[in-house]
Amino acid sequence: MIRAELVKMRDDMLRTVRKQQVAEGVDNGDSVDQASQSIEKELLFELSDNERTTLDMIDAAIRKIDNGTYGLCEATQKPIGRARLEAIPYCRYSIEYQNQLERKETEAEPGPDFSTIGEFSGGAES
């Protein structure tokens, strides 16, 4: 059931890109054989970075279902909560681990350097 939902999500995303190509008049001029082999490559060029990332995550989730590892956090190997999987069926991490990642990213972002405020350079002291 989840696999079918993921496949549908992937197909819907690819179908949207195909519609965009038709609307923009994309014509690659390839023969039928070449077109059938290169359609995935062309679709990937049309995807935004976010769409490409989501599509990769959906494909990874489908592979996990096929090999029996779906629903496990990639980092901790512990089960991902059912509510999280229902909300984001292609998620890679448990909510706890995802929160840790986001906290680390926030902490790693350098803020403005205020250490020199109030310092004077080159001036004589009175």
PDB file of N, CA and C in Angstrom:
ATOM      1  N   MET A   1       0.819  -1.186   0.000  1.00  0.00           N
ATOM      2  CA  MET A   1       0.000   0.000   0.000  1.00  0.00           C
ATOM      3  C   MET A   1       0.869   1.258   0.000  1.00  0.00           C
ATOM      4  N   ILE A   2       1.867   1.308   0.888  1.00  0.00           N
ATOM      5  CA  ILE A   2       2.760   2.467   0.924  1.00  0.00           C
ATOM      6  C   ILE A   2       3.570   2.538  -0.358  1.00  0.00           C
ATOM      7  N   ARG A   3       4.020   1.389  -0.850  1.00  0.00           N
ATOM      8  CA  ARG A   3       4.800   1.356  -2.091  1.00  0.00           C
ATOM      9  C   ARG A   3       3.986   1.937  -3.238  1.00  0.00           C
ATOM     10  N   ALA A   4       2.714   1.550  -3.329  1.00  0.00           N
ATOM     11  CA  ALA A   4       1.846   2.062  -4.394  1.00  0.00           C
ATOM     12  C   ALA A   4       1.687   3.577  -4.280  1.00  0.00           C
ATOM     13  N   GLU A   5       1.579   4.068  -3.052  1.00  0.00           N
ATOM     14  CA  GLU A   5       1.462   5.509  -2.840  1.00  0.00           C
ATOM     15  C   GLU A   5       2.733   6.228  -3.286  1.00  0.00           C
ATOM     16  N   LEU A   6       3.889   5.658  -2.945  1.00  0.00           N
ATOM     17  CA  LEU A   6       5.166   6.257  -3.345  1.00  0.00           C
ATOM     18  C   LEU A   6       5.333   6.242  -4.866  1.00  0.00           C
ATOM     19  N   VAL A   7       4.973   5.139  -5.495  1.00  0.00           N
ATOM     20  CA  VAL A   7       5.067   5.051  -6.958  1.00  0.00           C
ATOM     21  C   VAL A   7       4.156   6.099  -7.598  1.00  0.00           C
ATOM     22  N   LYS A   8       2.969   6.277  -7.040  1.00  0.00           N
ATOM     23  CA  LYS A   8       2.032   7.281  -7.564  1.00  0.00           C
ATOM     24  C   LYS A   8       2.612   8.685  -7.403  1.00  0.00           C
ATOM     25  N   MET A   9       3.216   8.970  -6.244  1.00  0.00           N
ATOM     26  CA  MET A   9       3.842  10.275  -6.026  1.00  0.00           C
ATOM     27  C   MET A   9       4.933  10.529  -7.060  1.00  0.00           C
ATOM     28  N   ARG A  10       5.769   9.516  -7.279  1.00  0.00           N
ATOM     29  CA  ARG A  10       6.855   9.647  -8.257  1.00  0.00           C
ATOM     30  C   ARG A  10       6.300   9.870  -9.662  1.00  0.00           C
ATOM     31  N   ASP A  11       5.310   9.070 -10.032  1.00  0.00           N
ATOM     32  CA  ASP A  11       4.731   9.193 -11.369  1.00  0.00           C
ATOM     33  C   ASP A  11       4.050  10.541 -11.570  1.00  0.00           C
ATOM     34  N   ASP A  12       3.373  11.038 -10.532  1.00  0.00           N
ATOM     35  CA  ASP A  12       2.729  12.352 -10.623  1.00  0.00           C
ATOM     36  C   ASP A  12       3.758  13.450 -10.834  1.00  0.00           C
ATOM     37  N   MET A  13       4.878  13.348 -10.115  1.00  0.00           N
ATOM     38  CA  MET A  13       5.927  14.353 -10.259  1.00  0.00           C
ATOM     39  C   MET A  13       6.516  14.317 -11.673  1.00  0.00           C
ATOM     40  N   LEU A  14       6.776  13.121 -12.186  1.00  0.00           N
ATOM     41  CA  LEU A  14       7.326  12.991 -13.539  1.00  0.00           C
ATOM     42  C   LEU A  14       6.318  13.456 -14.586  1.00  0.00           C
ATOM     43  N   ARG A  15       5.050  13.153 -14.370  1.00  0.00           N
ATOM     44  CA  ARG A  15       3.997  13.575 -15.304  1.00  0.00           C
ATOM     45  C   ARG A  15       3.908  15.098 -15.359  1.00  0.00           C
ATOM     46  N   THR A  16       4.045  15.747 -14.219  1.00  0.00           N
ATOM     47  CA  THR A  16       4.014  17.206 -14.175  1.00  0.00           C
ATOM     48  C   THR A  16       5.153  17.791 -14.993  1.00  0.00           C
ATOM     49  N   VAL A  17       6.330  17.203 -14.880  1.00  0.00           N
ATOM     50  CA  VAL A  17       7.481  17.684 -15.641  1.00  0.00           C
ATOM     51  C   VAL A  17       7.238  17.487 -17.134  1.00  0.00           C
ATOM     52  N   ARG A  18       6.676  16.337 -17.508  1.00  0.00           N
ATOM     53  CA  ARG A  18       6.381  16.090 -18.925  1.00  0.00           C
ATOM     54  C   ARG A  18       5.404  17.129 -19.467  1.00  0.00           C
ATOM     55  N   LYS A  19       4.395  17.472 -18.677  1.00  0.00           N
ATOM     56  CA  LYS A  19       3.426  18.489 -19.106  1.00  0.00           C
ATOM     57  C   LYS A  19       4.115  19.833 -19.290  1.00  0.00           C
ATOM     58  N   GLN A  20       5.049  20.155 -18.397  1.00  0.00           N
ATOM     59  CA  GLN A  20       5.800  21.396 -18.526  1.00  0.00           C
ATOM     60  C   GLN A  20       6.621  21.402 -19.806  1.00  0.00           C
ATOM     61  N   GLN A  21       7.202  20.245 -20.134  1.00  0.00           N
ATOM     62  CA  GLN A  21       7.993  20.150 -21.365  1.00  0.00           C
ATOM     63  C   GLN A  21       7.116  20.382 -22.587  1.00  0.00           C
ATOM     64  N   VAL A  22       5.942  19.772 -22.610  1.00  0.00           N
ATOM     65  CA  VAL A  22       5.037  19.930 -23.750  1.00  0.00           C
ATOM     66  C   VAL A  22       4.588  21.383 -23.855  1.00  0.00           C
ATOM     67  N   ALA A  23       4.248  21.992 -22.719  1.00  0.00           N
ATOM     68  CA  ALA A  23       3.803  23.383 -22.719  1.00  0.00           C
ATOM     69  C   ALA A  23       4.895  24.325 -23.202  1.00  0.00           C
ATOM     70  N   GLU A  24       6.154  23.984 -22.916  1.00  0.00           N
ATOM     71  CA  GLU A  24       7.275  24.817 -23.336  1.00  0.00           C
ATOM     72  C   GLU A  24       7.765  24.450 -24.738  1.00  0.00           C
ATOM     73  N   GLY A  25       7.156  23.430 -25.334  1.00  0.00           N
ATOM     74  CA  GLY A  25       7.541  23.025 -26.679  1.00  0.00           C
ATOM     75  C   GLY A  25       8.884  22.353 -26.747  1.00  0.00           C
ATOM     76  N   VAL A  26       9.253  21.603 -25.739  1.00  0.00           N
ATOM     77  CA  VAL A  26      10.537  20.897 -25.734  1.00  0.00           C
ATOM     78  C   VAL A  26      10.509  19.812 -26.802  1.00  0.00           C
ATOM     79  N   ASP A  27      11.474  19.887 -27.706  1.00  0.00           N
ATOM     80  CA  ASP A  27      11.583  18.886 -28.767  1.00  0.00           C
ATOM     81  C   ASP A  27      13.052  18.546 -28.910  1.00  0.00           C
ATOM     82  N   ASN A  28      13.393  17.330 -28.554  1.00  0.00           N
ATOM     83  CA  ASN A  28      14.806  16.970 -28.578  1.00  0.00           C
ATOM     84  C   ASN A  28      15.264  16.455 -29.937  1.00  0.00           C
ATOM     85  N   GLY A  29      14.352  16.158 -30.855  1.00  0.00           N
ATOM     86  CA  GLY A  29      14.716  15.743 -32.192  1.00  0.00           C
ATOM     87  C   GLY A  29      15.316  14.357 -32.278  1.00  0.00           C
ATOM     88  N   ASP A  30      15.289  13.589 -31.204  1.00  0.00           N
ATOM     89  CA  ASP A  30      15.844  12.238 -31.215  1.00  0.00           C
ATOM     90  C   ASP A  30      14.888  11.280 -31.913  1.00  0.00           C
ATOM     91  N   SER A  31      15.441  10.144 -32.325  1.00  0.00           N
ATOM     92  CA  SER A  31      14.586   9.087 -32.866  1.00  0.00           C
ATOM     93  C   SER A  31      13.775   8.502 -31.730  1.00  0.00           C
ATOM     94  N   VAL A  32      12.801   7.692 -32.058  1.00  0.00           N
ATOM     95  CA  VAL A  32      11.945   7.090 -31.040  1.00  0.00           C
ATOM     96  C   VAL A  32      12.769   6.272 -30.062  1.00  0.00           C
ATOM     97  N   ASP A  33      13.706   5.495 -30.550  1.00  0.00           N
ATOM     98  CA  ASP A  33      14.540   4.684 -29.662  1.00  0.00           C
ATOM     99  C   ASP A  33      15.362   5.550 -28.724  1.00  0.00           C
ATOM    100  N   GLN A  34      16.007   6.572 -29.245  1.00  0.00           N
ATOM    101  CA  GLN A  34      16.823   7.443 -28.414  1.00  0.00           C
ATOM    102  C   GLN A  34      15.966   8.206 -27.413  1.00  0.00           C
ATOM    103  N   ALA A  35      14.777   8.609 -27.840  1.00  0.00           N
ATOM    104  CA  ALA A  35      13.899   9.361 -26.947  1.00  0.00           C
ATOM    105  C   ALA A  35      13.475   8.512 -25.756  1.00  0.00           C
ATOM    106  N   SER A  36      13.166   7.258 -26.011  1.00  0.00           N
ATOM    107  CA  SER A  36      12.734   6.404 -24.903  1.00  0.00           C
ATOM    108  C   SER A  36      13.870   6.159 -23.912  1.00  0.00           C
ATOM    109  N   GLN A  37      15.112   6.165 -24.390  1.00  0.00           N
ATOM    110  CA  GLN A  37      16.257   5.949 -23.508  1.00  0.00           C
ATOM    111  C   GLN A  37      16.668   7.218 -22.770  1.00  0.00           C
ATOM    112  N   SER A  38      16.416   8.363 -23.354  1.00  0.00           N
ATOM    113  CA  SER A  38      16.908   9.602 -22.753  1.00  0.00           C
ATOM    114  C   SER A  38      15.841  10.395 -22.006  1.00  0.00           C
ATOM    115  N   ILE A  39      14.604   9.914 -21.973  1.00  0.00           N
ATOM    116  CA  ILE A  39      13.527  10.691 -21.352  1.00  0.00           C
ATOM    117  C   ILE A  39      13.806  10.969 -19.885  1.00  0.00           C
ATOM    118  N   GLU A  40      14.342   9.996 -19.148  1.00  0.00           N
ATOM    119  CA  GLU A  40      14.626  10.208 -17.731  1.00  0.00           C
ATOM    120  C   GLU A  40      15.688  11.289 -17.533  1.00  0.00           C
ATOM    121  N   LYS A  41      16.710  11.291 -18.381  1.00  0.00           N
ATOM    122  CA  LYS A  41      17.748  12.309 -18.270  1.00  0.00           C
ATOM    123  C   LYS A  41      17.172  13.695 -18.515  1.00  0.00           C
ATOM    124  N   GLU A  42      16.343  13.818 -19.514  1.00  0.00           N
ATOM    125  CA  GLU A  42      15.743  15.113 -19.823  1.00  0.00           C
ATOM    126  C   GLU A  42      14.814  15.560 -18.717  1.00  0.00           C
ATOM    127  N   LEU A  43      14.077  14.631 -18.154  1.00  0.00           N
ATOM    128  CA  LEU A  43      13.177  14.983 -17.055  1.00  0.00           C
ATOM    129  C   LEU A  43      13.965  15.504 -15.863  1.00  0.00           C
ATOM    130  N   LEU A  44      15.089  14.879 -15.582  1.00  0.00           N
ATOM    131  CA  LEU A  44      15.895  15.322 -14.459  1.00  0.00           C
ATOM    132  C   LEU A  44      16.430  16.733 -14.652  1.00  0.00           C
ATOM    133  N   PHE A  45      16.715  17.123 -15.880  1.00  0.00           N
ATOM    134  CA  PHE A  45      17.173  18.482 -16.141  1.00  0.00           C
ATOM    135  C   PHE A  45      16.059  19.488 -15.888  1.00  0.00           C
ATOM    136  N   GLU A  46      14.823  19.070 -16.082  1.00  0.00           N
ATOM    137  CA  GLU A  46      13.690  19.956 -15.893  1.00  0.00           C
ATOM    138  C   GLU A  46      13.306  20.116 -14.427  1.00  0.00           C
ATOM    139  N   LEU A  47      13.722  19.207 -13.602  1.00  0.00           N
ATOM    140  CA  LEU A  47      13.342  19.251 -12.200  1.00  0.00           C
ATOM    141  C   LEU A  47      14.153  20.302 -11.453  1.00  0.00           C
ATOM    142  N   SER A  48      13.521  20.948 -10.524  1.00  0.00           N
ATOM    143  CA  SER A  48      14.267  21.856  -9.649  1.00  0.00           C
ATOM    144  C   SER A  48      15.085  21.008  -8.681  1.00  0.00           C
ATOM    145  N   ASP A  49      15.986  21.639  -7.970  1.00  0.00           N
ATOM    146  CA  ASP A  49      16.788  20.901  -6.992  1.00  0.00           C
ATOM    147  C   ASP A  49      15.899  20.239  -5.950  1.00  0.00           C
ATOM    148  N   ASN A  50      14.877  20.952  -5.495  1.00  0.00           N
ATOM    149  CA  ASN A  50      13.981  20.407  -4.488  1.00  0.00           C
ATOM    150  C   ASN A  50      13.207  19.207  -5.031  1.00  0.00           C
ATOM    151  N   GLU A  51      12.708  19.330  -6.252  1.00  0.00           N
ATOM    152  CA  GLU A  51      11.981  18.216  -6.867  1.00  0.00           C
ATOM    153  C   GLU A  51      12.893  17.022  -7.080  1.00  0.00           C
ATOM    154  N   ARG A  52      14.130  17.285  -7.492  1.00  0.00           N
ATOM    155  CA  ARG A  52      15.097  16.214  -7.728  1.00  0.00           C
ATOM    156  C   ARG A  52      15.403  15.482  -6.424  1.00  0.00           C
ATOM    157  N   THR A  53      15.586  16.245  -5.350  1.00  0.00           N
ATOM    158  CA  THR A  53      15.855  15.647  -4.039  1.00  0.00           C
ATOM    159  C   THR A  53      14.668  14.801  -3.594  1.00  0.00           C
ATOM    160  N   THR A  54      13.462  15.339  -3.745  1.00  0.00           N
ATOM    161  CA  THR A  54      12.264  14.599  -3.355  1.00  0.00           C
ATOM    162  C   THR A  54      12.123  13.329  -4.178  1.00  0.00           C
ATOM    163  N   LEU A  55      12.355  13.413  -5.472  1.00  0.00           N
ATOM    164  CA  LEU A  55      12.262  12.247  -6.345  1.00  0.00           C
ATOM    165  C   LEU A  55      13.283  11.187  -5.941  1.00  0.00           C
ATOM    166  N   ASP A  56      14.493  11.608  -5.607  1.00  0.00           N
ATOM    167  CA  ASP A  56      15.525  10.661  -5.142  1.00  0.00           C
ATOM    168  C   ASP A  56      15.097   9.981  -3.847  1.00  0.00           C
ATOM    169  N   MET A  57      14.500  10.752  -2.944  1.00  0.00           N
ATOM    170  CA  MET A  57      14.059  10.193  -1.666  1.00  0.00           C
ATOM    171  C   MET A  57      12.909   9.206  -1.872  1.00  0.00           C
ATOM    172  N   ILE A  58      12.012   9.507  -2.806  1.00  0.00           N
ATOM    173  CA  ILE A  58      10.910   8.586  -3.104  1.00  0.00           C
ATOM    174  C   ILE A  58      11.459   7.283  -3.676  1.00  0.00           C
ATOM    175  N   ASP A  59      12.385   7.393  -4.632  1.00  0.00           N
ATOM    176  CA  ASP A  59      12.992   6.182  -5.208  1.00  0.00           C
ATOM    177  C   ASP A  59      13.719   5.366  -4.143  1.00  0.00           C
ATOM    178  N   ALA A  60      14.408   6.042  -3.223  1.00  0.00           N
ATOM    179  CA  ALA A  60      15.115   5.337  -2.148  1.00  0.00           C
ATOM    180  C   ALA A  60      14.114   4.620  -1.242  1.00  0.00           C
ATOM    181  N   ALA A  61      12.988   5.253  -0.945  1.00  0.00           N
ATOM    182  CA  ALA A  61      11.971   4.623  -0.100  1.00  0.00           C
ATOM    183  C   ALA A  61      11.394   3.381  -0.775  1.00  0.00           C
ATOM    184  N   ILE A  62      11.188   3.445  -2.084  1.00  0.00           N
ATOM    185  CA  ILE A  62      10.685   2.278  -2.825  1.00  0.00           C
ATOM    186  C   ILE A  62      11.698   1.138  -2.749  1.00  0.00           C
ATOM    187  N   ARG A  63      12.981   1.454  -2.908  1.00  0.00           N
ATOM    188  CA  ARG A  63      14.024   0.427  -2.791  1.00  0.00           C
ATOM    189  C   ARG A  63      14.046  -0.176  -1.390  1.00  0.00           C
ATOM    190  N   LYS A  64      13.859   0.660  -0.373  1.00  0.00           N
ATOM    191  CA  LYS A  64      13.842   0.170   1.013  1.00  0.00           C
ATOM    192  C   LYS A  64      12.676  -0.794   1.234  1.00  0.00           C
ATOM    193  N   ILE A  65      11.529  -0.474   0.668  1.00  0.00           N
ATOM    194  CA  ILE A  65      10.382  -1.386   0.776  1.00  0.00           C
ATOM    195  C   ILE A  65      10.742  -2.717   0.144  1.00  0.00           C
ATOM    196  N   ASP A  66      11.352  -2.658  -1.041  1.00  0.00           N
ATOM    197  CA  ASP A  66      11.720  -3.875  -1.769  1.00  0.00           C
ATOM    198  C   ASP A  66      12.752  -4.719  -1.016  1.00  0.00           C
ATOM    199  N   ASN A  67      13.657  -4.074  -0.264  1.00  0.00           N
ATOM    200  CA  ASN A  67      14.682  -4.862   0.431  1.00  0.00           C
ATOM    201  C   ASN A  67      14.402  -5.030   1.925  1.00  0.00           C
ATOM    202  N   GLY A  68      13.238  -4.566   2.383  1.00  0.00           N
ATOM    203  CA  GLY A  68      12.813  -4.822   3.752  1.00  0.00           C
ATOM    204  C   GLY A  68      13.348  -3.888   4.814  1.00  0.00           C
ATOM    205  N   THR A  69      13.897  -2.738   4.424  1.00  0.00           N
ATOM    206  CA  THR A  69      14.427  -1.805   5.420  1.00  0.00           C
ATOM    207  C   THR A  69      13.592  -0.537   5.550  1.00  0.00           C
ATOM    208  N   TYR A  70      12.434  -0.503   4.908  1.00  0.00           N
ATOM    209  CA  TYR A  70      11.577   0.690   4.982  1.00  0.00           C
ATOM    210  C   TYR A  70      11.104   0.915   6.420  1.00  0.00           C
ATOM    211  N   GLY A  71      11.088   2.174   6.832  1.00  0.00           N
ATOM    212  CA  GLY A  71      10.594   2.516   8.155  1.00  0.00           C
ATOM    213  C   GLY A  71      11.675   2.577   9.216  1.00  0.00           C
ATOM    214  N   LEU A  72      12.919   2.340   8.813  1.00  0.00           N
ATOM    215  CA  LEU A  72      14.032   2.442   9.753  1.00  0.00           C
ATOM    216  C   LEU A  72      14.817   3.721   9.480  1.00  0.00           C
ATOM    217  N   CYS A  73      15.196   4.403  10.542  1.00  0.00           N
ATOM    218  CA  CYS A  73      16.013   5.609  10.426  1.00  0.00           C
ATOM    219  C   CYS A  73      17.360   5.211   9.810  1.00  0.00           C
ATOM    220  N   GLU A  74      17.800   5.944   8.801  1.00  0.00           N
ATOM    221  CA  GLU A  74      19.068   5.625   8.149  1.00  0.00           C
ATOM    222  C   GLU A  74      20.265   5.830   9.072  1.00  0.00           C
ATOM    223  N   ALA A  75      20.128   6.711  10.054  1.00  0.00           N
ATOM    224  CA  ALA A  75      21.253   7.007  10.937  1.00  0.00           C
ATOM    225  C   ALA A  75      21.298   6.087  12.145  1.00  0.00           C
ATOM    226  N   THR A  76      20.139   5.833  12.750  1.00  0.00           N
ATOM    227  CA  THR A  76      20.107   5.083  14.010  1.00  0.00           C
ATOM    228  C   THR A  76      19.634   3.647  13.847  1.00  0.00           C
ATOM    229  N   GLN A  77      19.050   3.327  12.721  1.00  0.00           N
ATOM    230  CA  GLN A  77      18.468   2.003  12.445  1.00  0.00           C
ATOM    231  C   GLN A  77      17.294   1.681  13.372  1.00  0.00           C
ATOM    232  N   LYS A  78      16.754   2.700  14.038  1.00  0.00           N
ATOM    233  CA  LYS A  78      15.578   2.515  14.887  1.00  0.00           C
ATOM    234  C   LYS A  78      14.331   2.830  14.069  1.00  0.00           C
ATOM    235  N   PRO A  79      13.190   2.258  14.434  1.00  0.00           N
ATOM    236  CA  PRO A  79      11.958   2.517  13.678  1.00  0.00           C
ATOM    237  C   PRO A  79      11.571   3.993  13.685  1.00  0.00           C
ATOM    238  N   ILE A  80      11.111   4.459  12.527  1.00  0.00           N
ATOM    239  CA  ILE A  80      10.576   5.806  12.392  1.00  0.00           C
ATOM    240  C   ILE A  80       9.106   5.736  12.807  1.00  0.00           C
ATOM    241  N   GLY A  81       8.641   6.730  13.531  1.00  0.00           N
ATOM    242  CA  GLY A  81       7.262   6.747  14.009  1.00  0.00           C
ATOM    243  C   GLY A  81       6.248   6.681  12.877  1.00  0.00           C
ATOM    244  N   ARG A  82       5.154   5.979  13.131  1.00  0.00           N
ATOM    245  CA  ARG A  82       4.107   5.791  12.128  1.00  0.00           C
ATOM    246  C   ARG A  82       3.532   7.122  11.631  1.00  0.00           C
ATOM    247  N   ALA A  83       3.293   8.052  12.553  1.00  0.00           N
ATOM    248  CA  ALA A  83       2.731   9.347  12.158  1.00  0.00           C
ATOM    249  C   ALA A  83       3.663  10.074  11.185  1.00  0.00           C
ATOM    250  N   ARG A  84       4.970   9.990  11.434  1.00  0.00           N
ATOM    251  CA  ARG A  84       5.942  10.641  10.537  1.00  0.00           C
ATOM    252  C   ARG A  84       5.929   9.983   9.163  1.00  0.00           C
ATOM    253  N   LEU A  85       5.881   8.658   9.135  1.00  0.00           N
ATOM    254  CA  LEU A  85       5.845   7.951   7.843  1.00  0.00           C
ATOM    255  C   LEU A  85       4.555   8.245   7.089  1.00  0.00           C
ATOM    256  N   GLU A  86       3.454   8.410   7.808  1.00  0.00           N
ATOM    257  CA  GLU A  86       2.201   8.753   7.141  1.00  0.00           C
ATOM    258  C   GLU A  86       2.252  10.168   6.565  1.00  0.00           C
ATOM    259  N   ALA A  87       2.909  11.076   7.293  1.00  0.00           N
ATOM    260  CA  ALA A  87       3.018  12.457   6.835  1.00  0.00           C
ATOM    261  C   ALA A  87       4.019  12.598   5.684  1.00  0.00           C
ATOM    262  N   ILE A  88       5.153  11.905   5.817  1.00  0.00           N
ATOM    263  CA  ILE A  88       6.218  11.973   4.799  1.00  0.00           C
ATOM    264  C   ILE A  88       6.683  10.547   4.539  1.00  0.00           C
ATOM    265  N   PRO A  89       6.005   9.836   3.646  1.00  0.00           N
ATOM    266  CA  PRO A  89       6.326   8.416   3.453  1.00  0.00           C
ATOM    267  C   PRO A  89       7.726   8.144   2.914  1.00  0.00           C
ATOM    268  N   TYR A  90       8.422   9.164   2.444  1.00  0.00           N
ATOM    269  CA  TYR A  90       9.766   8.979   1.910  1.00  0.00           C
ATOM    270  C   TYR A  90      10.836   9.547   2.846  1.00  0.00           C
ATOM    271  N   CYS A  91      10.476   9.826   4.115  1.00  0.00           N
ATOM    272  CA  CYS A  91      11.462  10.399   5.037  1.00  0.00           C
ATOM    273  C   CYS A  91      12.584   9.394   5.297  1.00  0.00           C
ATOM    274  N   ARG A  92      13.766   9.923   5.578  1.00  0.00           N
ATOM    275  CA  ARG A  92      14.946   9.087   5.780  1.00  0.00           C
ATOM    276  C   ARG A  92      15.279   8.894   7.248  1.00  0.00           C
ATOM    277  N   TYR A  93      14.863   9.833   8.074  1.00  0.00           N
ATOM    278  CA  TYR A  93      15.285   9.830   9.471  1.00  0.00           C
ATOM    279  C   TYR A  93      14.082   9.916  10.413  1.00  0.00           C
ATOM    280  N   SER A  94      14.286   9.420  11.643  1.00  0.00           N
ATOM    281  CA  SER A  94      13.283   9.593  12.686  1.00  0.00           C
ATOM    282  C   SER A  94      13.190  11.078  13.015  1.00  0.00           C
ATOM    283  N   ILE A  95      12.091  11.477  13.615  1.00  0.00           N
ATOM    284  CA  ILE A  95      11.915  12.891  13.956  1.00  0.00           C
ATOM    285  C   ILE A  95      12.988  13.346  14.946  1.00  0.00           C
ATOM    286  N   GLU A  96      13.373  12.466  15.852  1.00  0.00           N
ATOM    287  CA  GLU A  96      14.392  12.819  16.833  1.00  0.00           C
ATOM    288  C   GLU A  96      15.735  13.111  16.150  1.00  0.00           C
ATOM    289  N   TYR A  97      16.121  12.236  15.223  1.00  0.00           N
ATOM    290  CA  TYR A  97      17.398  12.430  14.540  1.00  0.00           C
ATOM    291  C   TYR A  97      17.329  13.645  13.612  1.00  0.00           C
ATOM    292  N   GLN A  98      16.212  13.832  12.929  1.00  0.00           N
ATOM    293  CA  GLN A  98      16.045  14.987  12.046  1.00  0.00           C
ATOM    294  C   GLN A  98      16.183  16.285  12.844  1.00  0.00           C
ATOM    295  N   ASN A  99      15.604  16.330  14.029  1.00  0.00           N
ATOM    296  CA  ASN A  99      15.735  17.514  14.882  1.00  0.00           C
ATOM    297  C   ASN A  99      17.191  17.759  15.261  1.00  0.00           C
ATOM    298  N   GLN A 100      17.924  16.692  15.556  1.00  0.00           N
ATOM    299  CA  GLN A 100      19.352  16.834  15.869  1.00  0.00           C
ATOM    300  C   GLN A 100      20.109  17.433  14.689  1.00  0.00           C
ATOM    301  N   LEU A 101      19.816  16.942  13.489  1.00  0.00           N
ATOM    302  CA  LEU A 101      20.476  17.466  12.289  1.00  0.00           C
ATOM    303  C   LEU A 101      20.188  18.945  12.108  1.00  0.00           C
ATOM    304  N   GLU A 102      18.937  19.327  12.287  1.00  0.00           N
ATOM    305  CA  GLU A 102      18.566  20.726  12.100  1.00  0.00           C
ATOM    306  C   GLU A 102      19.203  21.619  13.157  1.00  0.00           C
ATOM    307  N   ARG A 103      19.295  21.142  14.395  1.00  0.00           N
ATOM    308  CA  ARG A 103      19.957  21.920  15.443  1.00  0.00           C
ATOM    309  C   ARG A 103      21.433  22.115  15.108  1.00  0.00           C
ATOM    310  N   LYS A 104      22.088  21.057  14.632  1.00  0.00           N
ATOM    311  CA  LYS A 104      23.508  21.154  14.276  1.00  0.00           C
ATOM    312  C   LYS A 104      23.709  22.138  13.128  1.00  0.00           C
ATOM    313  N   GLU A 105      22.816  22.118  12.133  1.00  0.00           N
ATOM    314  CA  GLU A 105      22.928  23.051  11.011  1.00  0.00           C
ATOM    315  C   GLU A 105      22.774  24.481  11.494  1.00  0.00           C
ATOM    316  N   THR A 106      21.822  24.715  12.396  1.00  0.00           N
ATOM    317  CA  THR A 106      21.602  26.055  12.925  1.00  0.00           C
ATOM    318  C   THR A 106      22.798  26.520  13.728  1.00  0.00           C
ATOM    319  N   GLU A 107      23.365  25.629  14.542  1.00  0.00           N
ATOM    320  CA  GLU A 107      24.523  25.978  15.347  1.00  0.00           C
ATOM    321  C   GLU A 107      25.753  26.213  14.481  1.00  0.00           C
ATOM    322  N   ALA A 108      25.850  25.525  13.364  1.00  0.00           N
ATOM    323  CA  ALA A 108      27.023  25.631  12.499  1.00  0.00           C
ATOM    324  C   ALA A 108      27.022  26.898  11.660  1.00  0.00           C
ATOM    325  N   GLU A 109      25.861  27.518  11.480  1.00  0.00           N
ATOM    326  CA  GLU A 109      25.794  28.727  10.667  1.00  0.00           C
ATOM    327  C   GLU A 109      26.447  29.875  11.435  1.00  0.00           C
ATOM    328  N   PRO A 110      27.477  30.485  10.857  1.00  0.00           N
ATOM    329  CA  PRO A 110      28.143  31.572  11.571  1.00  0.00           C
ATOM    330  C   PRO A 110      27.259  32.818  11.611  1.00  0.00           C
ATOM    331  N   GLY A 111      27.201  33.424  12.764  1.00  0.00           N
ATOM    332  CA  GLY A 111      26.460  34.673  12.906  1.00  0.00           C
ATOM    333  C   GLY A 111      27.396  35.836  12.692  1.00  0.00           C
ATOM    334  N   PRO A 112      26.887  37.048  12.830  1.00  0.00           N
ATOM    335  CA  PRO A 112      27.749  38.223  12.661  1.00  0.00           C
ATOM    336  C   PRO A 112      28.807  38.279  13.764  1.00  0.00           C
ATOM    337  N   ASP A 113      29.958  38.797  13.421  1.00  0.00           N
ATOM    338  CA  ASP A 113      31.062  38.888  14.376  1.00  0.00           C
ATOM    339  C   ASP A 113      31.034  40.259  15.038  1.00  0.00           C
ATOM    340  N   PHE A 114      30.617  40.290  16.293  1.00  0.00           N
ATOM    341  CA  PHE A 114      30.545  41.550  17.034  1.00  0.00           C
ATOM    342  C   PHE A 114      31.728  41.726  17.973  1.00  0.00           C
ATOM    343  N   SER A 115      32.729  40.879  17.842  1.00  0.00           N
ATOM    344  CA  SER A 115      33.851  40.896  18.788  1.00  0.00           C
ATOM    345  C   SER A 115      34.683  42.173  18.695  1.00  0.00           C
ATOM    346  N   THR A 116      34.614  42.887  17.599  1.00  0.00           N
ATOM    347  CA  THR A 116      35.449  44.079  17.455  1.00  0.00           C
ATOM    348  C   THR A 116      34.697  45.369  17.770  1.00  0.00           C
ATOM    349  N   ILE A 117      33.460  45.273  18.162  1.00  0.00           N
ATOM    350  CA  ILE A 117      32.698  46.482  18.488  1.00  0.00           C
ATOM    351  C   ILE A 117      33.343  47.156  19.690  1.00  0.00           C
ATOM    352  N   GLY A 118      33.532  48.458  19.570  1.00  0.00           N
ATOM    353  CA  GLY A 118      34.114  49.221  20.670  1.00  0.00           C
ATOM    354  C   GLY A 118      35.630  49.319  20.603  1.00  0.00           C
ATOM    355  N   GLU A 119      36.245  48.571  19.706  1.00  0.00           N
ATOM    356  CA  GLU A 119      37.700  48.643  19.562  1.00  0.00           C
ATOM    357  C   GLU A 119      38.046  49.737  18.573  1.00  0.00           C
ATOM    358  N   PHE A 120      39.120  50.421  18.837  1.00  0.00           N
ATOM    359  CA  PHE A 120      39.585  51.450  17.925  1.00  0.00           C
ATOM    360  C   PHE A 120      40.917  51.026  17.360  1.00  0.00           C
ATOM    361  N   SER A 121      41.130  51.297  16.112  1.00  0.00           N
ATOM    362  CA  SER A 121      42.405  50.893  15.522  1.00  0.00           C
ATOM    363  C   SER A 121      43.229  52.095  15.122  1.00  0.00           C
ATOM    364  N   GLY A 122      44.483  52.055  15.461  1.00  0.00           N
ATOM    365  CA  GLY A 122      45.441  53.073  15.010  1.00  0.00           C
ATOM    366  C   GLY A 122      45.345  54.401  15.731  1.00  0.00           C
ATOM    367  N   GLY A 123      44.431  54.599  16.598  1.00  0.00           N
ATOM    368  CA  GLY A 123      44.295  55.894  17.281  1.00  0.00           C
ATOM    369  C   GLY A 123      45.140  55.937  18.536  1.00  0.00           C
ATOM    370  N   ALA A 124      45.555  57.140  18.907  1.00  0.00           N
ATOM    371  CA  ALA A 124      46.347  57.317  20.144  1.00  0.00           C
ATOM    372  C   ALA A 124      45.403  57.402  21.323  1.00  0.00           C
ATOM    373  N   GLU A 125      45.824  56.795  22.427  1.00  0.00           N
ATOM    374  CA  GLU A 125      44.987  56.821  23.623  1.00  0.00           C
ATOM    375  C   GLU A 125      45.294  58.071  24.419  1.00  0.00           C
ATOM    376  N   SER A 126      44.280  58.699  25.014  1.00  0.00           N
ATOM    377  CA  SER A 126      44.511  59.921  25.809  1.00  0.00           C
ATOM    378  C   SER A 126      44.466  59.616  27.256  1.00  0.00           C
TER     379      SER A 126
END
